[in-house]
């Protein structure tokens, strides 16, 4: 299953309480739109590490990597590619 779809399903289930009406784009900032707060980011990181088999370093915990579905999907692909090298 595509990473963007898995991330979206996780966010809807865990932060939007499974709301079928949840409408947000893959580029919407999780923090600016209040979809996820700072504590929720830790839960999201734990999900990503478990689901995609990557480790997120403390220095990688920045909005440029984690603050939208697209940013997170790109980050995951880069991490997977780096570990495969």
N, C-alpha and C. Protein backbone atom coordinates (compact mmCIF):
# COMPACT_ATOMS: atom_id res chain seq x y z
N UNK A 1 0.84 -1.18 0.00
CA UNK A 1 0.00 0.00 0.00
C UNK A 1 0.89 1.24 0.00
N UNK A 2 0.52 2.23 -0.74
CA UNK A 2 1.29 3.46 -0.85
C UNK A 2 1.43 4.16 0.50
N UNK A 3 2.60 4.72 0.75
CA UNK A 3 2.87 5.36 2.05
C UNK A 3 1.91 6.50 2.33
N UNK A 4 1.57 7.31 1.34
CA UNK A 4 0.65 8.43 1.57
C UNK A 4 -0.70 7.94 2.08
N UNK A 5 -1.18 6.86 1.50
CA UNK A 5 -2.48 6.31 1.91
C UNK A 5 -2.41 5.78 3.34
N UNK A 6 -1.33 5.09 3.67
CA UNK A 6 -1.17 4.57 5.04
C UNK A 6 -1.08 5.71 6.06
N UNK A 7 -0.34 6.75 5.72
CA UNK A 7 -0.22 7.90 6.62
C UNK A 7 -1.58 8.56 6.81
N UNK A 8 -2.30 8.79 5.72
CA UNK A 8 -3.63 9.42 5.81
C UNK A 8 -4.57 8.58 6.67
N UNK A 9 -4.60 7.28 6.46
CA UNK A 9 -5.47 6.40 7.24
C UNK A 9 -5.11 6.46 8.72
N UNK A 10 -3.82 6.49 9.05
CA UNK A 10 -3.39 6.57 10.44
C UNK A 10 -3.84 7.89 11.07
N UNK A 11 -3.67 8.98 10.35
CA UNK A 11 -4.05 10.29 10.88
C UNK A 11 -5.55 10.37 11.10
N UNK A 12 -6.33 9.92 10.15
CA UNK A 12 -7.78 9.95 10.30
C UNK A 12 -8.22 9.09 11.48
N UNK A 13 -7.66 7.90 11.60
CA UNK A 13 -8.06 6.99 12.67
C UNK A 13 -7.62 7.47 14.05
N UNK A 14 -6.44 8.08 14.15
CA UNK A 14 -5.89 8.40 15.46
C UNK A 14 -6.03 9.85 15.90
N UNK A 15 -6.17 10.77 14.96
CA UNK A 15 -6.24 12.18 15.33
C UNK A 15 -7.56 12.83 14.95
N UNK A 16 -8.24 12.26 13.99
CA UNK A 16 -9.53 12.81 13.56
C UNK A 16 -10.66 11.84 13.90
N UNK A 17 -10.37 10.88 14.73
CA UNK A 17 -11.33 9.93 15.27
C UNK A 17 -12.16 9.22 14.21
N UNK A 18 -11.50 8.87 13.12
CA UNK A 18 -12.13 8.08 12.08
C UNK A 18 -13.16 8.83 11.26
N UNK A 19 -13.17 10.15 11.36
CA UNK A 19 -14.16 10.95 10.67
C UNK A 19 -14.06 10.78 9.15
N UNK A 20 -15.13 10.29 8.56
CA UNK A 20 -15.17 10.12 7.11
C UNK A 20 -15.22 11.48 6.41
N UNK A 21 -15.58 12.52 7.16
CA UNK A 21 -15.68 13.87 6.60
C UNK A 21 -14.35 14.62 6.64
N UNK A 22 -13.31 13.99 7.15
CA UNK A 22 -12.01 14.66 7.27
C UNK A 22 -11.49 15.02 5.88
N UNK A 23 -11.34 16.31 5.66
CA UNK A 23 -10.88 16.79 4.36
C UNK A 23 -9.62 17.61 4.58
N UNK A 24 -8.51 17.13 4.09
CA UNK A 24 -7.26 17.86 4.11
C UNK A 24 -6.40 17.31 2.99
N UNK A 25 -5.58 18.20 2.43
CA UNK A 25 -4.76 17.79 1.30
C UNK A 25 -3.45 17.18 1.77
N UNK A 26 -2.75 16.56 0.86
CA UNK A 26 -1.46 15.96 1.20
C UNK A 26 -0.40 17.01 1.50
N UNK A 27 -0.67 18.27 1.18
CA UNK A 27 0.27 19.35 1.46
C UNK A 27 -0.10 20.18 2.69
N UNK A 28 -1.26 19.95 3.29
CA UNK A 28 -1.67 20.71 4.47
C UNK A 28 -0.74 20.43 5.65
N UNK A 29 -0.32 21.50 6.31
CA UNK A 29 0.53 21.38 7.49
C UNK A 29 -0.27 20.77 8.64
N UNK A 30 0.26 19.71 9.23
CA UNK A 30 -0.40 19.09 10.38
C UNK A 30 -0.51 20.06 11.54
N UNK A 31 0.55 20.83 11.78
CA UNK A 31 0.60 21.74 12.92
C UNK A 31 -0.23 23.00 12.68
N UNK A 32 -0.09 23.62 11.51
CA UNK A 32 -0.82 24.85 11.23
C UNK A 32 -2.33 24.65 11.16
N UNK A 33 -2.76 23.48 10.72
CA UNK A 33 -4.20 23.20 10.63
C UNK A 33 -4.72 22.51 11.89
N UNK A 34 -3.85 22.32 12.86
CA UNK A 34 -4.20 21.68 14.14
C UNK A 34 -4.70 20.25 13.98
N UNK A 35 -4.26 19.59 12.93
CA UNK A 35 -4.60 18.18 12.76
C UNK A 35 -3.86 17.36 13.81
N UNK A 36 -2.59 17.71 14.03
CA UNK A 36 -1.75 17.01 15.00
C UNK A 36 -1.04 18.06 15.84
N UNK A 37 -0.96 17.82 17.16
CA UNK A 37 -0.19 18.72 18.02
C UNK A 37 1.19 18.12 18.26
N UNK A 38 2.00 18.79 19.06
CA UNK A 38 3.38 18.33 19.25
C UNK A 38 3.45 16.94 19.87
N UNK A 39 2.55 16.63 20.77
CA UNK A 39 2.52 15.29 21.36
C UNK A 39 2.11 14.26 20.31
N UNK A 40 1.17 14.61 19.48
CA UNK A 40 0.73 13.72 18.41
C UNK A 40 1.84 13.43 17.42
N UNK A 41 2.75 14.39 17.26
CA UNK A 41 3.89 14.17 16.35
C UNK A 41 4.73 12.99 16.82
N UNK A 42 4.88 12.86 18.12
CA UNK A 42 5.65 11.73 18.65
C UNK A 42 4.95 10.41 18.34
N UNK A 43 3.64 10.41 18.43
CA UNK A 43 2.86 9.21 18.08
C UNK A 43 2.99 8.91 16.59
N UNK A 44 2.96 9.95 15.77
CA UNK A 44 3.12 9.78 14.33
C UNK A 44 4.50 9.21 14.00
N UNK A 45 5.53 9.71 14.65
CA UNK A 45 6.89 9.22 14.43
C UNK A 45 7.00 7.74 14.83
N UNK A 46 6.40 7.38 15.96
CA UNK A 46 6.42 5.98 16.39
C UNK A 46 5.74 5.09 15.34
N UNK A 47 4.62 5.55 14.80
CA UNK A 47 3.93 4.81 13.75
C UNK A 47 4.82 4.63 12.53
N UNK A 48 5.44 5.72 12.08
CA UNK A 48 6.29 5.69 10.89
C UNK A 48 7.46 4.73 11.10
N UNK A 49 8.09 4.80 12.26
CA UNK A 49 9.23 3.91 12.52
C UNK A 49 8.81 2.45 12.49
N UNK A 50 7.67 2.14 13.08
CA UNK A 50 7.19 0.77 13.13
C UNK A 50 6.69 0.29 11.77
N UNK A 51 5.86 1.09 11.14
CA UNK A 51 5.21 0.68 9.89
C UNK A 51 6.18 0.60 8.72
N UNK A 52 7.13 1.52 8.67
CA UNK A 52 8.01 1.59 7.51
C UNK A 52 9.43 1.09 7.80
N UNK A 53 9.68 0.65 9.02
CA UNK A 53 10.97 0.05 9.35
C UNK A 53 12.14 1.00 9.26
N UNK A 54 11.90 2.26 9.62
CA UNK A 54 12.99 3.25 9.60
C UNK A 54 13.17 3.81 11.00
N UNK A 55 14.30 4.45 11.23
CA UNK A 55 14.55 5.12 12.50
C UNK A 55 14.65 6.61 12.24
N UNK A 56 13.89 7.39 12.98
CA UNK A 56 13.91 8.84 12.85
C UNK A 56 14.81 9.39 13.95
N UNK A 57 15.91 10.01 13.54
CA UNK A 57 16.85 10.60 14.50
C UNK A 57 16.27 11.89 15.07
N UNK A 58 16.73 12.25 16.25
CA UNK A 58 16.26 13.49 16.88
C UNK A 58 16.46 14.69 15.97
N UNK A 59 17.55 14.72 15.25
CA UNK A 59 17.85 15.86 14.37
C UNK A 59 16.92 15.91 13.15
N UNK A 60 16.19 14.81 12.90
CA UNK A 60 15.27 14.75 11.77
C UNK A 60 13.84 15.13 12.16
N UNK A 61 13.63 15.41 13.44
CA UNK A 61 12.30 15.77 13.94
C UNK A 61 12.03 17.25 13.67
N UNK A 62 11.91 17.59 12.40
CA UNK A 62 11.70 18.98 11.98
C UNK A 62 10.52 19.04 11.02
N UNK A 63 9.84 20.19 10.95
CA UNK A 63 8.68 20.31 10.06
C UNK A 63 8.99 19.98 8.60
N UNK A 64 10.20 20.28 8.16
CA UNK A 64 10.55 19.99 6.77
C UNK A 64 10.43 18.51 6.43
N UNK A 65 10.51 17.64 7.44
CA UNK A 65 10.40 16.20 7.22
C UNK A 65 9.02 15.64 7.57
N UNK A 66 8.32 16.27 8.50
CA UNK A 66 7.17 15.60 9.11
C UNK A 66 5.84 16.34 9.05
N UNK A 67 5.79 17.56 8.52
CA UNK A 67 4.61 18.40 8.73
C UNK A 67 3.55 18.36 7.63
N UNK A 68 3.52 17.33 6.83
CA UNK A 68 2.42 17.10 5.89
C UNK A 68 2.55 15.67 5.38
N UNK A 69 1.52 15.20 4.76
CA UNK A 69 1.59 13.84 4.21
C UNK A 69 2.68 13.77 3.15
N UNK A 70 2.74 14.75 2.27
CA UNK A 70 3.76 14.72 1.21
C UNK A 70 5.17 14.80 1.77
N UNK A 71 5.41 15.70 2.71
CA UNK A 71 6.74 15.82 3.31
C UNK A 71 7.15 14.53 3.99
N UNK A 72 6.22 13.93 4.70
CA UNK A 72 6.51 12.69 5.41
C UNK A 72 6.76 11.54 4.44
N UNK A 73 5.97 11.44 3.38
CA UNK A 73 6.16 10.38 2.39
C UNK A 73 7.52 10.50 1.71
N UNK A 74 7.92 11.73 1.37
CA UNK A 74 9.23 11.94 0.75
C UNK A 74 10.34 11.57 1.73
N UNK A 75 10.18 11.97 2.98
CA UNK A 75 11.16 11.64 4.01
C UNK A 75 11.31 10.12 4.17
N UNK A 76 10.19 9.42 4.21
CA UNK A 76 10.20 7.95 4.35
C UNK A 76 10.94 7.32 3.17
N UNK A 77 10.64 7.76 1.96
CA UNK A 77 11.29 7.20 0.78
C UNK A 77 12.80 7.45 0.81
N UNK A 78 13.22 8.65 1.22
CA UNK A 78 14.65 8.95 1.32
C UNK A 78 15.33 8.05 2.36
N UNK A 79 14.68 7.86 3.50
CA UNK A 79 15.24 7.01 4.56
C UNK A 79 15.35 5.55 4.09
N UNK A 80 14.33 5.07 3.42
CA UNK A 80 14.35 3.69 2.92
C UNK A 80 15.42 3.52 1.86
N UNK A 81 15.57 4.50 0.99
CA UNK A 81 16.60 4.43 -0.05
C UNK A 81 17.99 4.45 0.56
N UNK A 82 18.19 5.29 1.58
CA UNK A 82 19.49 5.39 2.24
C UNK A 82 19.84 4.09 2.95
N UNK A 83 18.87 3.44 3.56
CA UNK A 83 19.15 2.19 4.28
C UNK A 83 19.37 1.03 3.31
N UNK A 84 18.82 1.14 2.10
CA UNK A 84 19.01 0.09 1.10
C UNK A 84 20.38 0.19 0.43
N UNK A 85 21.01 1.35 0.55
CA UNK A 85 22.34 1.55 -0.10
C UNK A 85 23.43 0.87 0.66
